[in-house]
Amino acid sequence: MTISKENKDFIDSLIDYYTEESKSYVQIAENFTNNVKSIPDTAFGIIVGCVYSGFLQSYQNQQQTPGLEDINEFNQILKEKTPLIMGAILGTNKSETSI
């Protein structure tokens, strides 16, 4: 089973939302500066965790369970979006620097 278009669109919307709100997650990570080595990596982990939680919730809402192929495809989507997410966290995305 592969991720449906509806679920892919939902994942993309989650990534867009959390990327737009990345400054909030950087602030959360900054609260743990004594316990973490990298604020950007911690913020990235928080965002990925939120997106993953939303991914699982979408399947649960449909009374389905994601299979291994779905999880692998989800991971591939996140790998492709990593530069976008990290760019937002670091403030290096072109859309943010042109403001």
PDB file of N, CA and C in Angstrom:
ATOM      1  N   MET A   1       0.848  -1.179   0.000  1.00  0.00           N
ATOM      2  CA  MET A   1       0.000   0.000   0.000  1.00  0.00           C
ATOM      3  C   MET A   1       0.891   1.239   0.000  1.00  0.00           C
ATOM      4  N   THR A   2       0.557   2.197  -0.815  1.00  0.00           N
ATOM      5  CA  THR A   2       1.302   3.444  -0.821  1.00  0.00           C
ATOM      6  C   THR A   2       0.406   4.555  -0.285  1.00  0.00           C
ATOM      7  N   ILE A   3       1.027   5.641   0.075  1.00  0.00           N
ATOM      8  CA  ILE A   3       0.284   6.757   0.656  1.00  0.00           C
ATOM      9  C   ILE A   3      -0.652   7.340  -0.398  1.00  0.00           C
ATOM     10  N   SER A   4      -1.896   7.529  -0.022  1.00  0.00           N
ATOM     11  CA  SER A   4      -2.879   8.096  -0.948  1.00  0.00           C
ATOM     12  C   SER A   4      -2.558   9.562  -1.218  1.00  0.00           C
ATOM     13  N   LYS A   5      -3.075  10.079  -2.318  1.00  0.00           N
ATOM     14  CA  LYS A   5      -2.870  11.486  -2.667  1.00  0.00           C
ATOM     15  C   LYS A   5      -3.395  12.384  -1.551  1.00  0.00           C
ATOM     16  N   GLU A   6      -4.529  12.020  -1.002  1.00  0.00           N
ATOM     17  CA  GLU A   6      -5.115  12.807   0.091  1.00  0.00           C
ATOM     18  C   GLU A   6      -4.160  12.870   1.287  1.00  0.00           C
ATOM     19  N   ASN A   7      -3.588  11.739   1.646  1.00  0.00           N
ATOM     20  CA  ASN A   7      -2.654  11.713   2.778  1.00  0.00           C
ATOM     21  C   ASN A   7      -1.348  12.433   2.439  1.00  0.00           C
ATOM     22  N   LYS A   8      -0.880  12.321   1.188  1.00  0.00           N
ATOM     23  CA  LYS A   8       0.319  13.054   0.780  1.00  0.00           C
ATOM     24  C   LYS A   8       0.087  14.554   0.876  1.00  0.00           C
ATOM     25  N   ASP A   9      -1.081  14.988   0.397  1.00  0.00           N
ATOM     26  CA  ASP A   9      -1.416  16.410   0.485  1.00  0.00           C
ATOM     27  C   ASP A   9      -1.472  16.858   1.939  1.00  0.00           C
ATOM     28  N   PHE A  10      -2.014  15.995   2.801  1.00  0.00           N
ATOM     29  CA  PHE A  10      -2.082  16.307   4.227  1.00  0.00           C
ATOM     30  C   PHE A  10      -0.685  16.415   4.826  1.00  0.00           C
ATOM     31  N   ILE A  11       0.201  15.492   4.483  1.00  0.00           N
ATOM     32  CA  ILE A  11       1.587  15.535   4.967  1.00  0.00           C
ATOM     33  C   ILE A  11       2.257  16.825   4.504  1.00  0.00           C
ATOM     34  N   ASP A  12       2.078  17.163   3.231  1.00  0.00           N
ATOM     35  CA  ASP A  12       2.653  18.405   2.707  1.00  0.00           C
ATOM     36  C   ASP A  12       2.127  19.620   3.458  1.00  0.00           C
ATOM     37  N   SER A  13       0.834  19.620   3.771  1.00  0.00           N
ATOM     38  CA  SER A  13       0.272  20.759   4.502  1.00  0.00           C
ATOM     39  C   SER A  13       0.828  20.819   5.918  1.00  0.00           C
ATOM     40  N   LEU A  14       1.047  19.663   6.542  1.00  0.00           N
ATOM     41  CA  LEU A  14       1.665  19.645   7.871  1.00  0.00           C
ATOM     42  C   LEU A  14       3.087  20.202   7.820  1.00  0.00           C
ATOM     43  N   ILE A  15       3.843  19.757   6.834  1.00  0.00           N
ATOM     44  CA  ILE A  15       5.219  20.234   6.692  1.00  0.00           C
ATOM     45  C   ILE A  15       5.221  21.740   6.462  1.00  0.00           C
ATOM     46  N   ASP A  16       4.336  22.216   5.602  1.00  0.00           N
ATOM     47  CA  ASP A  16       4.243  23.662   5.358  1.00  0.00           C
ATOM     48  C   ASP A  16       3.905  24.420   6.642  1.00  0.00           C
ATOM     49  N   TYR A  17       2.918  23.918   7.388  1.00  0.00           N
ATOM     50  CA  TYR A  17       2.515  24.585   8.629  1.00  0.00           C
ATOM     51  C   TYR A  17       3.675  24.646   9.621  1.00  0.00           C
ATOM     52  N   TYR A  18       4.277  23.505   9.900  1.00  0.00           N
ATOM     53  CA  TYR A  18       5.343  23.473  10.900  1.00  0.00           C
ATOM     54  C   TYR A  18       6.585  24.229  10.438  1.00  0.00           C
ATOM     55  N   THR A  19       6.818  24.268   9.144  1.00  0.00           N
ATOM     56  CA  THR A  19       7.939  25.044   8.616  1.00  0.00           C
ATOM     57  C   THR A  19       7.676  26.533   8.830  1.00  0.00           C
ATOM     58  N   GLU A  20       6.448  26.961   8.560  1.00  0.00           N
ATOM     59  CA  GLU A  20       6.098  28.365   8.775  1.00  0.00           C
ATOM     60  C   GLU A  20       6.188  28.757  10.245  1.00  0.00           C
ATOM     61  N   GLU A  21       5.975  27.816  11.124  1.00  0.00           N
ATOM     62  CA  GLU A  21       6.012  28.069  12.565  1.00  0.00           C
ATOM     63  C   GLU A  21       7.345  27.665  13.188  1.00  0.00           C
ATOM     64  N   SER A  22       8.371  27.482  12.369  1.00  0.00           N
ATOM     65  CA  SER A  22       9.645  26.947  12.859  1.00  0.00           C
ATOM     66  C   SER A  22      10.265  27.789  13.970  1.00  0.00           C
ATOM     67  N   LYS A  23      10.064  29.082  13.950  1.00  0.00           N
ATOM     68  CA  LYS A  23      10.641  29.945  14.993  1.00  0.00           C
ATOM     69  C   LYS A  23      10.122  29.547  16.381  1.00  0.00           C
ATOM     70  N   SER A  24       8.868  29.130  16.446  1.00  0.00           N
ATOM     71  CA  SER A  24       8.298  28.673  17.722  1.00  0.00           C
ATOM     72  C   SER A  24       9.022  27.440  18.238  1.00  0.00           C
ATOM     73  N   TYR A  25       9.372  26.549  17.313  1.00  0.00           N
ATOM     74  CA  TYR A  25      10.037  25.312  17.720  1.00  0.00           C
ATOM     75  C   TYR A  25      11.498  25.555  18.068  1.00  0.00           C
ATOM     76  N   VAL A  26      12.089  26.566  17.455  1.00  0.00           N
ATOM     77  CA  VAL A  26      13.441  26.973  17.847  1.00  0.00           C
ATOM     78  C   VAL A  26      13.400  27.516  19.274  1.00  0.00           C
ATOM     79  N   GLN A  27      12.377  28.303  19.593  1.00  0.00           N
ATOM     80  CA  GLN A  27      12.243  28.826  20.956  1.00  0.00           C
ATOM     81  C   GLN A  27      12.076  27.700  21.969  1.00  0.00           C
ATOM     82  N   ILE A  28      11.301  26.700  21.619  1.00  0.00           N
ATOM     83  CA  ILE A  28      11.145  25.551  22.513  1.00  0.00           C
ATOM     84  C   ILE A  28      12.497  24.883  22.727  1.00  0.00           C
ATOM     85  N   ALA A  29      13.232  24.658  21.636  1.00  0.00           N
ATOM     86  CA  ALA A  29      14.542  24.006  21.731  1.00  0.00           C
ATOM     87  C   ALA A  29      15.509  24.844  22.570  1.00  0.00           C
ATOM     88  N   GLU A  30      15.412  26.162  22.455  1.00  0.00           N
ATOM     89  CA  GLU A  30      16.301  27.037  23.227  1.00  0.00           C
ATOM     90  C   GLU A  30      16.089  26.893  24.730  1.00  0.00           C
ATOM     91  N   ASN A  31      14.922  26.465  25.135  1.00  0.00           N
ATOM     92  CA  ASN A  31      14.657  26.240  26.556  1.00  0.00           C
ATOM     93  C   ASN A  31      15.466  25.085  27.122  1.00  0.00           C
ATOM     94  N   PHE A  32      16.052  24.299  26.250  1.00  0.00           N
ATOM     95  CA  PHE A  32      16.810  23.123  26.671  1.00  0.00           C
ATOM     96  C   PHE A  32      18.289  23.239  26.328  1.00  0.00           C
ATOM     97  N   THR A  33      18.790  24.465  26.225  1.00  0.00           N
ATOM     98  CA  THR A  33      20.186  24.660  25.807  1.00  0.00           C
ATOM     99  C   THR A  33      21.180  23.954  26.710  1.00  0.00           C
ATOM    100  N   ASN A  34      20.846  23.755  27.961  1.00  0.00           N
ATOM    101  CA  ASN A  34      21.751  23.041  28.864  1.00  0.00           C
ATOM    102  C   ASN A  34      21.752  21.539  28.613  1.00  0.00           C
ATOM    103  N   ASN A  35      20.731  21.060  27.913  1.00  0.00           N
ATOM    104  CA  ASN A  35      20.573  19.613  27.730  1.00  0.00           C
ATOM    105  C   ASN A  35      20.754  19.124  26.302  1.00  0.00           C
ATOM    106  N   VAL A  36      20.823  20.022  25.341  1.00  0.00           N
ATOM    107  CA  VAL A  36      20.955  19.607  23.939  1.00  0.00           C
ATOM    108  C   VAL A  36      22.222  20.201  23.345  1.00  0.00           C
ATOM    109  N   LYS A  37      22.736  19.541  22.345  1.00  0.00           N
ATOM    110  CA  LYS A  37      23.954  20.010  21.694  1.00  0.00           C
ATOM    111  C   LYS A  37      23.661  20.942  20.534  1.00  0.00           C
ATOM    112  N   SER A  38      22.501  20.790  19.908  1.00  0.00           N
ATOM    113  CA  SER A  38      22.182  21.578  18.723  1.00  0.00           C
ATOM    114  C   SER A  38      20.733  22.040  18.756  1.00  0.00           C
ATOM    115  N   ILE A  39      20.536  23.331  18.868  1.00  0.00           N
ATOM    116  CA  ILE A  39      19.179  23.881  18.860  1.00  0.00           C
ATOM    117  C   ILE A  39      18.490  23.615  17.522  1.00  0.00           C
ATOM    118  N   PRO A  40      19.155  23.863  16.373  1.00  0.00           N
ATOM    119  CA  PRO A  40      18.482  23.572  15.099  1.00  0.00           C
ATOM    120  C   PRO A  40      18.091  22.101  14.940  1.00  0.00           C
ATOM    121  N   ASP A  41      18.972  21.192  15.352  1.00  0.00           N
ATOM    122  CA  ASP A  41      18.651  19.764  15.242  1.00  0.00           C
ATOM    123  C   ASP A  41      17.501  19.384  16.168  1.00  0.00           C
ATOM    124  N   THR A  42      17.466  19.993  17.345  1.00  0.00           N
ATOM    125  CA  THR A  42      16.377  19.722  18.281  1.00  0.00           C
ATOM    126  C   THR A  42      15.063  20.236  17.721  1.00  0.00           C
ATOM    127  N   ALA A  43      15.062  21.453  17.167  1.00  0.00           N
ATOM    128  CA  ALA A  43      13.857  22.010  16.553  1.00  0.00           C
ATOM    129  C   ALA A  43      13.406  21.136  15.384  1.00  0.00           C
ATOM    130  N   PHE A  44      14.369  20.664  14.585  1.00  0.00           N
ATOM    131  CA  PHE A  44      14.043  19.771  13.479  1.00  0.00           C
ATOM    132  C   PHE A  44      13.368  18.505  13.999  1.00  0.00           C
ATOM    133  N   GLY A  45      13.909  17.941  15.063  1.00  0.00           N
ATOM    134  CA  GLY A  45      13.324  16.731  15.650  1.00  0.00           C
ATOM    135  C   GLY A  45      11.908  16.958  16.154  1.00  0.00           C
ATOM    136  N   ILE A  46      11.679  18.115  16.745  1.00  0.00           N
ATOM    137  CA  ILE A  46      10.325  18.432  17.223  1.00  0.00           C
ATOM    138  C   ILE A  46       9.367  18.507  16.038  1.00  0.00           C
ATOM    139  N   ILE A  47       9.776  19.200  14.990  1.00  0.00           N
ATOM    140  CA  ILE A  47       8.921  19.351  13.807  1.00  0.00           C
ATOM    141  C   ILE A  47       8.642  17.997  13.163  1.00  0.00           C
ATOM    142  N   VAL A  48       9.677  17.184  12.973  1.00  0.00           N
ATOM    143  CA  VAL A  48       9.485  15.862  12.372  1.00  0.00           C
ATOM    144  C   VAL A  48       8.554  15.022  13.242  1.00  0.00           C
ATOM    145  N   GLY A  49       8.724  15.106  14.553  1.00  0.00           N
ATOM    146  CA  GLY A  49       7.843  14.368  15.455  1.00  0.00           C
ATOM    147  C   GLY A  49       6.394  14.801  15.323  1.00  0.00           C
ATOM    148  N   CYS A  50       6.167  16.097  15.194  1.00  0.00           N
ATOM    149  CA  CYS A  50       4.800  16.606  15.018  1.00  0.00           C
ATOM    150  C   CYS A  50       4.203  16.138  13.696  1.00  0.00           C
ATOM    151  N   VAL A  51       4.988  16.197  12.627  1.00  0.00           N
ATOM    152  CA  VAL A  51       4.504  15.753  11.320  1.00  0.00           C
ATOM    153  C   VAL A  51       4.221  14.251  11.352  1.00  0.00           C
ATOM    154  N   TYR A  52       5.110  13.480  11.971  1.00  0.00           N
ATOM    155  CA  TYR A  52       4.910  12.033  12.068  1.00  0.00           C
ATOM    156  C   TYR A  52       3.648  11.716  12.862  1.00  0.00           C
ATOM    157  N   SER A  53       3.436  12.436  13.942  1.00  0.00           N
ATOM    158  CA  SER A  53       2.234  12.239  14.744  1.00  0.00           C
ATOM    159  C   SER A  53       0.981  12.523  13.914  1.00  0.00           C
ATOM    160  N   GLY A  54       1.008  13.589  13.124  1.00  0.00           N
ATOM    161  CA  GLY A  54      -0.121  13.909  12.257  1.00  0.00           C
ATOM    162  C   GLY A  54      -0.344  12.850  11.197  1.00  0.00           C
ATOM    163  N   PHE A  55       0.756  12.317  10.663  1.00  0.00           N
ATOM    164  CA  PHE A  55       0.697  11.235   9.677  1.00  0.00           C
ATOM    165  C   PHE A  55      -0.008  10.013  10.273  1.00  0.00           C
ATOM    166  N   LEU A  56       0.409   9.613  11.459  1.00  0.00           N
ATOM    167  CA  LEU A  56      -0.212   8.460  12.114  1.00  0.00           C
ATOM    168  C   LEU A  56      -1.676   8.736  12.455  1.00  0.00           C
ATOM    169  N   GLN A  57      -1.958   9.950  12.898  1.00  0.00           N
ATOM    170  CA  GLN A  57      -3.334  10.313  13.253  1.00  0.00           C
ATOM    171  C   GLN A  57      -4.243  10.264  12.026  1.00  0.00           C
ATOM    172  N   SER A  58      -3.722  10.671  10.868  1.00  0.00           N
ATOM    173  CA  SER A  58      -4.547  10.633   9.651  1.00  0.00           C
ATOM    174  C   SER A  58      -4.949   9.195   9.316  1.00  0.00           C
ATOM    175  N   TYR A  59      -4.044   8.263   9.513  1.00  0.00           N
ATOM    176  CA  TYR A  59      -4.375   6.862   9.274  1.00  0.00           C
ATOM    177  C   TYR A  59      -5.381   6.359  10.311  1.00  0.00           C
ATOM    178  N   GLN A  60      -5.165   6.747  11.549  1.00  0.00           N
ATOM    179  CA  GLN A  60      -6.088   6.309  12.599  1.00  0.00           C
ATOM    180  C   GLN A  60      -7.495   6.854  12.345  1.00  0.00           C
ATOM    181  N   ASN A  61      -7.593   8.089  11.889  1.00  0.00           N
ATOM    182  CA  ASN A  61      -8.895   8.682  11.580  1.00  0.00           C
ATOM    183  C   ASN A  61      -9.610   7.926  10.468  1.00  0.00           C
ATOM    184  N   GLN A  62      -8.830   7.291   9.592  1.00  0.00           N
ATOM    185  CA  GLN A  62      -9.396   6.501   8.504  1.00  0.00           C
ATOM    186  C   GLN A  62      -9.537   5.031   8.889  1.00  0.00           C
ATOM    187  N   GLN A  63      -9.272   4.751  10.144  1.00  0.00           N
ATOM    188  CA  GLN A  63      -9.315   3.386  10.676  1.00  0.00           C
ATOM    189  C   GLN A  63      -8.404   2.455   9.878  1.00  0.00           C
ATOM    190  N   GLN A  64      -7.181   2.962   9.610  1.00  0.00           N
ATOM    191  CA  GLN A  64      -6.174   2.200   8.909  1.00  0.00           C
ATOM    192  C   GLN A  64      -4.889   2.220   9.720  1.00  0.00           C
ATOM    193  N   THR A  65      -3.988   1.365   9.335  1.00  0.00           N
ATOM    194  CA  THR A  65      -2.650   1.338   9.922  1.00  0.00           C
ATOM    195  C   THR A  65      -1.645   1.454   8.786  1.00  0.00           C
ATOM    196  N   PRO A  66      -0.699   2.393   8.886  1.00  0.00           N
ATOM    197  CA  PRO A  66       0.279   2.498   7.804  1.00  0.00           C
ATOM    198  C   PRO A  66       1.173   1.266   7.771  1.00  0.00           C
ATOM    199  N   GLY A  67       1.413   0.776   6.569  1.00  0.00           N
ATOM    200  CA  GLY A  67       2.306  -0.364   6.391  1.00  0.00           C
ATOM    201  C   GLY A  67       3.745   0.103   6.232  1.00  0.00           C
ATOM    202  N   LEU A  68       4.635  -0.854   6.094  1.00  0.00           N
ATOM    203  CA  LEU A  68       6.053  -0.551   5.943  1.00  0.00           C
ATOM    204  C   LEU A  68       6.304   0.336   4.723  1.00  0.00           C
ATOM    205  N   GLU A  69       5.616   0.057   3.615  1.00  0.00           N
ATOM    206  CA  GLU A  69       5.771   0.881   2.413  1.00  0.00           C
ATOM    207  C   GLU A  69       5.337   2.320   2.666  1.00  0.00           C
ATOM    208  N   ASP A  70       4.262   2.485   3.429  1.00  0.00           N
ATOM    209  CA  ASP A  70       3.782   3.824   3.758  1.00  0.00           C
ATOM    210  C   ASP A  70       4.806   4.573   4.604  1.00  0.00           C
ATOM    211  N   ILE A  71       5.358   3.889   5.590  1.00  0.00           N
ATOM    212  CA  ILE A  71       6.365   4.501   6.463  1.00  0.00           C
ATOM    213  C   ILE A  71       7.605   4.870   5.654  1.00  0.00           C
ATOM    214  N   ASN A  72       8.039   3.978   4.769  1.00  0.00           N
ATOM    215  CA  ASN A  72       9.197   4.268   3.921  1.00  0.00           C
ATOM    216  C   ASN A  72       8.938   5.462   3.017  1.00  0.00           C
ATOM    217  N   GLU A  73       7.734   5.527   2.449  1.00  0.00           N
ATOM    218  CA  GLU A  73       7.383   6.652   1.582  1.00  0.00           C
ATOM    219  C   GLU A  73       7.318   7.948   2.394  1.00  0.00           C
ATOM    220  N   PHE A  74       6.765   7.884   3.593  1.00  0.00           N
ATOM    221  CA  PHE A  74       6.729   9.047   4.484  1.00  0.00           C
ATOM    222  C   PHE A  74       8.151   9.525   4.768  1.00  0.00           C
ATOM    223  N   ASN A  75       9.038   8.588   5.088  1.00  0.00           N
ATOM    224  CA  ASN A  75      10.437   8.953   5.356  1.00  0.00           C
ATOM    225  C   ASN A  75      11.081   9.607   4.137  1.00  0.00           C
ATOM    226  N   GLN A  76      10.771   9.122   2.955  1.00  0.00           N
ATOM    227  CA  GLN A  76      11.323   9.706   1.732  1.00  0.00           C
ATOM    228  C   GLN A  76      10.811  11.133   1.538  1.00  0.00           C
ATOM    229  N   ILE A  77       9.537  11.344   1.803  1.00  0.00           N
ATOM    230  CA  ILE A  77       8.970  12.700   1.704  1.00  0.00           C
ATOM    231  C   ILE A  77       9.713  13.636   2.652  1.00  0.00           C
ATOM    232  N   LEU A  78       9.923  13.185   3.895  1.00  0.00           N
ATOM    233  CA  LEU A  78      10.637  14.024   4.860  1.00  0.00           C
ATOM    234  C   LEU A  78      12.075  14.287   4.440  1.00  0.00           C
ATOM    235  N   LYS A  79      12.739  13.273   3.887  1.00  0.00           N
ATOM    236  CA  LYS A  79      14.116  13.472   3.416  1.00  0.00           C
ATOM    237  C   LYS A  79      14.159  14.544   2.334  1.00  0.00           C
ATOM    238  N   GLU A  80      13.182  14.506   1.435  1.00  0.00           N
ATOM    239  CA  GLU A  80      13.139  15.498   0.363  1.00  0.00           C
ATOM    240  C   GLU A  80      12.836  16.898   0.894  1.00  0.00           C
ATOM    241  N   LYS A  81      12.076  16.981   1.981  1.00  0.00           N
ATOM    242  CA  LYS A  81      11.684  18.273   2.554  1.00  0.00           C
ATOM    243  C   LYS A  81      12.662  18.779   3.611  1.00  0.00           C
ATOM    244  N   THR A  82      13.662  17.966   3.969  1.00  0.00           N
ATOM    245  CA  THR A  82      14.613  18.372   5.005  1.00  0.00           C
ATOM    246  C   THR A  82      15.275  19.717   4.712  1.00  0.00           C
ATOM    247  N   PRO A  83      15.754  19.975   3.494  1.00  0.00           N
ATOM    248  CA  PRO A  83      16.367  21.289   3.249  1.00  0.00           C
ATOM    249  C   PRO A  83      15.398  22.447   3.485  1.00  0.00           C
ATOM    250  N   LEU A  84      14.137  22.262   3.132  1.00  0.00           N
ATOM    251  CA  LEU A  84      13.129  23.297   3.351  1.00  0.00           C
ATOM    252  C   LEU A  84      12.919  23.540   4.844  1.00  0.00           C
ATOM    253  N   ILE A  85      12.792  22.449   5.598  1.00  0.00           N
ATOM    254  CA  ILE A  85      12.561  22.557   7.041  1.00  0.00           C
ATOM    255  C   ILE A  85      13.770  23.188   7.722  1.00  0.00           C
ATOM    256  N   MET A  86      14.959  22.683   7.427  1.00  0.00           N
ATOM    257  CA  MET A  86      16.164  23.234   8.057  1.00  0.00           C
ATOM    258  C   MET A  86      16.407  24.676   7.623  1.00  0.00           C
ATOM    259  N   GLY A  87      16.084  24.997   6.376  1.00  0.00           N
ATOM    260  CA  GLY A  87      16.218  26.372   5.916  1.00  0.00           C
ATOM    261  C   GLY A  87      15.332  27.315   6.700  1.00  0.00           C
ATOM    262  N   ALA A  88      14.118  26.867   7.014  1.00  0.00           N
ATOM    263  CA  ALA A  88      13.208  27.687   7.818  1.00  0.00           C
ATOM    264  C   ALA A  88      13.740  27.848   9.237  1.00  0.00           C
ATOM    265  N   ILE A  89      14.255  26.777   9.796  1.00  0.00           N
ATOM    266  CA  ILE A  89      14.800  26.825  11.152  1.00  0.00           C
ATOM    267  C   ILE A  89      15.988  27.777  11.223  1.00  0.00           C
ATOM    268  N   LEU A  90      16.856  27.693  10.226  1.00  0.00           N
ATOM    269  CA  LEU A  90      18.071  28.504  10.218  1.00  0.00           C
ATOM    270  C   LEU A  90      17.853  29.900   9.621  1.00  0.00           C
ATOM    271  N   GLY A  91      16.648  30.117   9.069  1.00  0.00           N
ATOM    272  CA  GLY A  91      16.356  31.417   8.464  1.00  0.00           C
ATOM    273  C   GLY A  91      17.052  31.632   7.137  1.00  0.00           C
ATOM    274  N   THR A  92      17.335  30.540   6.430  1.00  0.00           N
ATOM    275  CA  THR A  92      18.074  30.656   5.174  1.00  0.00           C
ATOM    276  C   THR A  92      17.223  30.396   3.937  1.00  0.00           C
ATOM    277  N   ASN A  93      15.931  30.155   4.117  1.00  0.00           N
ATOM    278  CA  ASN A  93      15.073  29.961   2.948  1.00  0.00           C
ATOM    279  C   ASN A  93      14.967  31.276   2.202  1.00  0.00           C
ATOM    280  N   LYS A  94      14.976  31.223   0.887  1.00  0.00           N
ATOM    281  CA  LYS A  94      14.933  32.428   0.064  1.00  0.00           C
ATOM    282  C   LYS A  94      13.711  33.277   0.368  1.00  0.00           C
ATOM    283  N   SER A  95      12.583  32.649   0.623  1.00  0.00           N
ATOM    284  CA  SER A  95      11.360  33.414   0.893  1.00  0.00           C
ATOM    285  C   SER A  95      11.502  34.223   2.184  1.00  0.00           C
ATOM    286  N   GLU A  96      12.260  33.701   3.138  1.00  0.00           N
ATOM    287  CA  GLU A  96      12.433  34.419   4.407  1.00  0.00           C
ATOM    288  C   GLU A  96      13.486  35.515   4.296  1.00  0.00           C
ATOM    289  N   THR A  97      14.518  35.286   3.498  1.00  0.00           N
ATOM    290  CA  THR A  97      15.589  36.272   3.418  1.00  0.00           C
ATOM    291  C   THR A  97      15.211  37.461   2.556  1.00  0.00           C
ATOM    292  N   SER A  98      14.181  37.311   1.720  1.00  0.00           N
ATOM    293  CA  SER A  98      13.786  38.416   0.854  1.00  0.00           C
ATOM    294  C   SER A  98      12.780  39.334   1.526  1.00  0.00           C
ATOM    295  N   ILE A  99      12.339  38.995   2.725  1.00  0.00           N
ATOM    296  CA  ILE A  99      11.342  39.814   3.427  1.00  0.00           C
ATOM    297  C   ILE A  99      11.970  41.059   3.978  1.00  0.00           C
TER     298      ILE A  99
END
